[in-house]
């Protein structure tokens, strides 16, 4: 059995291994992000990276995630990576404040997902 790698690029903040508390139920079990966002129009998304068994997380500005799958090339268009950072920074800051996440300056982050 092989390992499938996907590279992920997103604009946001690295949360590391710690799943944000708002995604845990009273018993400490994980609530699915899609269940959390149901009925809300969120400006951010949670991206899991590293390993499916031991994930790490990026809190990213919605719509900034770009994936390249193993064995394929993904063309990056620099103009699409340039946007008004202050708008996305504020969306991420507001979400962090509302849900008690330590805010850090968002940046472009590149990592891999192993399946």
Protein backbone atom coordinates (compact mmCIF):
# COMPACT_ATOMS: atom_id res chain seq x y z
CA UNK A 1 0.00 0.00 0.00
CA UNK A 2 1.44 3.37 -1.01
CA UNK A 3 1.24 6.81 0.48
CA UNK A 4 -0.52 9.58 -1.40
CA UNK A 5 0.86 13.09 -0.94
CA UNK A 6 -0.93 16.34 -1.61
CA UNK A 7 0.69 19.74 -1.25
CA UNK A 8 -1.53 22.42 0.23
CA UNK A 9 -0.96 26.17 0.02
CA UNK A 10 -3.24 28.52 1.95
CA UNK A 11 -3.28 32.01 3.44
CA UNK A 12 -3.86 31.86 7.18
CA UNK A 13 -2.36 30.92 10.52
CA UNK A 14 -0.86 27.61 11.58
CA UNK A 15 -2.73 26.20 14.58
CA UNK A 16 -0.41 23.20 14.91
CA UNK A 17 -1.71 19.97 16.42
CA UNK A 18 -4.17 21.57 18.81
CA UNK A 19 -7.74 21.34 17.56
CA UNK A 20 -9.53 24.57 18.45
CA UNK A 21 -11.78 24.13 21.50
CA UNK A 22 -14.92 25.23 19.64
CA UNK A 23 -14.61 22.03 17.59
CA UNK A 24 -14.83 19.79 20.64
CA UNK A 25 -18.08 18.65 22.23
CA UNK A 26 -18.67 18.33 25.99
CA UNK A 27 -16.96 14.91 26.00
CA UNK A 28 -13.91 16.22 24.16
CA UNK A 29 -14.86 14.52 20.90
CA UNK A 30 -14.26 16.33 17.62
CA UNK A 31 -17.16 18.12 15.97
CA UNK A 32 -16.89 18.08 12.20
CA UNK A 33 -16.09 21.50 10.70
CA UNK A 34 -19.04 21.15 8.33
CA UNK A 35 -21.39 20.58 11.26
CA UNK A 36 -19.91 23.62 12.99
CA UNK A 37 -20.36 25.91 9.98
CA UNK A 38 -23.83 24.66 9.06
CA UNK A 39 -26.17 27.60 8.89
CA UNK A 40 -23.33 30.14 9.04
CA UNK A 41 -21.53 31.98 6.29
CA UNK A 42 -17.98 31.71 7.60
CA UNK A 43 -15.16 33.76 6.12
CA UNK A 44 -12.53 31.21 7.16
CA UNK A 45 -11.95 27.49 6.75
CA UNK A 46 -10.08 24.85 8.70
CA UNK A 47 -7.55 22.89 6.65
CA UNK A 48 -6.05 19.69 8.02
CA UNK A 49 -2.52 18.88 6.89
CA UNK A 50 0.34 16.53 7.72
CA UNK A 51 -1.24 13.10 8.33
CA UNK A 52 -4.85 11.92 8.42
CA UNK A 53 -4.01 9.94 11.57
CA UNK A 54 -2.21 12.84 13.29
CA UNK A 55 -3.50 16.03 11.68
CA UNK A 56 -2.32 19.57 12.15
CA UNK A 57 -4.46 22.57 11.25
CA UNK A 58 -4.39 25.84 9.34
CA UNK A 59 -7.10 28.44 9.91
CA UNK A 60 -7.26 29.95 6.43
CA UNK A 61 -9.08 32.75 4.67
CA UNK A 62 -11.87 31.11 2.68
CA UNK A 63 -11.01 30.49 -0.94
CA UNK A 64 -7.21 30.67 -0.58
CA UNK A 65 -6.51 26.91 -0.41
CA UNK A 66 -4.66 25.49 -3.41
CA UNK A 67 -3.89 21.76 -3.67
CA UNK A 68 -1.41 19.90 -5.88
CA UNK A 69 -1.79 16.13 -5.92
CA UNK A 70 1.03 13.65 -6.18
CA UNK A 71 2.01 13.03 -9.76
CA UNK A 72 0.52 16.25 -11.06
CA UNK A 73 1.71 19.80 -11.43
CA UNK A 74 -0.32 22.78 -10.24
CA UNK A 75 0.32 26.04 -12.05
CA UNK A 76 0.38 29.02 -9.71
CA UNK A 77 -0.69 32.35 -11.11
CA UNK A 78 1.08 35.02 -9.03
CA UNK A 79 -1.64 37.61 -9.67
CA UNK A 80 -4.18 35.33 -7.94
CA UNK A 81 -1.97 35.19 -4.85
CA UNK A 82 -2.01 38.96 -4.52
CA UNK A 83 -5.02 40.43 -2.75
CA UNK A 84 -5.86 42.97 -0.09
CA UNK A 85 -4.28 41.17 2.86
CA UNK A 86 -5.87 43.53 5.38
CA UNK A 87 -9.35 42.28 4.47
CA UNK A 88 -8.44 38.61 4.98
CA UNK A 89 -6.34 39.43 8.04
CA UNK A 90 -9.36 41.10 9.62
CA UNK A 91 -11.64 38.13 8.84
CA UNK A 92 -9.18 35.77 10.50
CA UNK A 93 -8.64 38.15 13.45
CA UNK A 94 -12.40 38.49 14.04
CA UNK A 95 -12.87 34.71 13.95
CA UNK A 96 -9.97 34.19 16.38
CA UNK A 97 -11.39 36.75 18.80
CA UNK A 98 -14.88 35.24 18.65
CA UNK A 99 -13.66 31.68 19.29
CA UNK A 100 -10.74 32.28 21.66
CA UNK A 101 -7.91 31.39 19.26
CA UNK A 102 -4.53 33.07 19.65
CA UNK A 103 -4.17 35.42 16.69
CA UNK A 104 -0.93 35.51 14.73
CA UNK A 105 -0.16 37.47 11.56
CA UNK A 106 -1.57 35.37 8.67
CA UNK A 107 0.81 34.36 5.92
CA UNK A 108 1.04 32.03 2.94
CA UNK A 109 1.69 28.50 4.29
CA UNK A 110 2.76 25.46 2.27
CA UNK A 111 2.65 21.93 3.63
CA UNK A 112 1.77 18.38 2.69
CA UNK A 113 -1.08 16.04 3.45
CA UNK A 114 -0.31 12.31 3.62
CA UNK A 115 -3.15 9.88 3.13
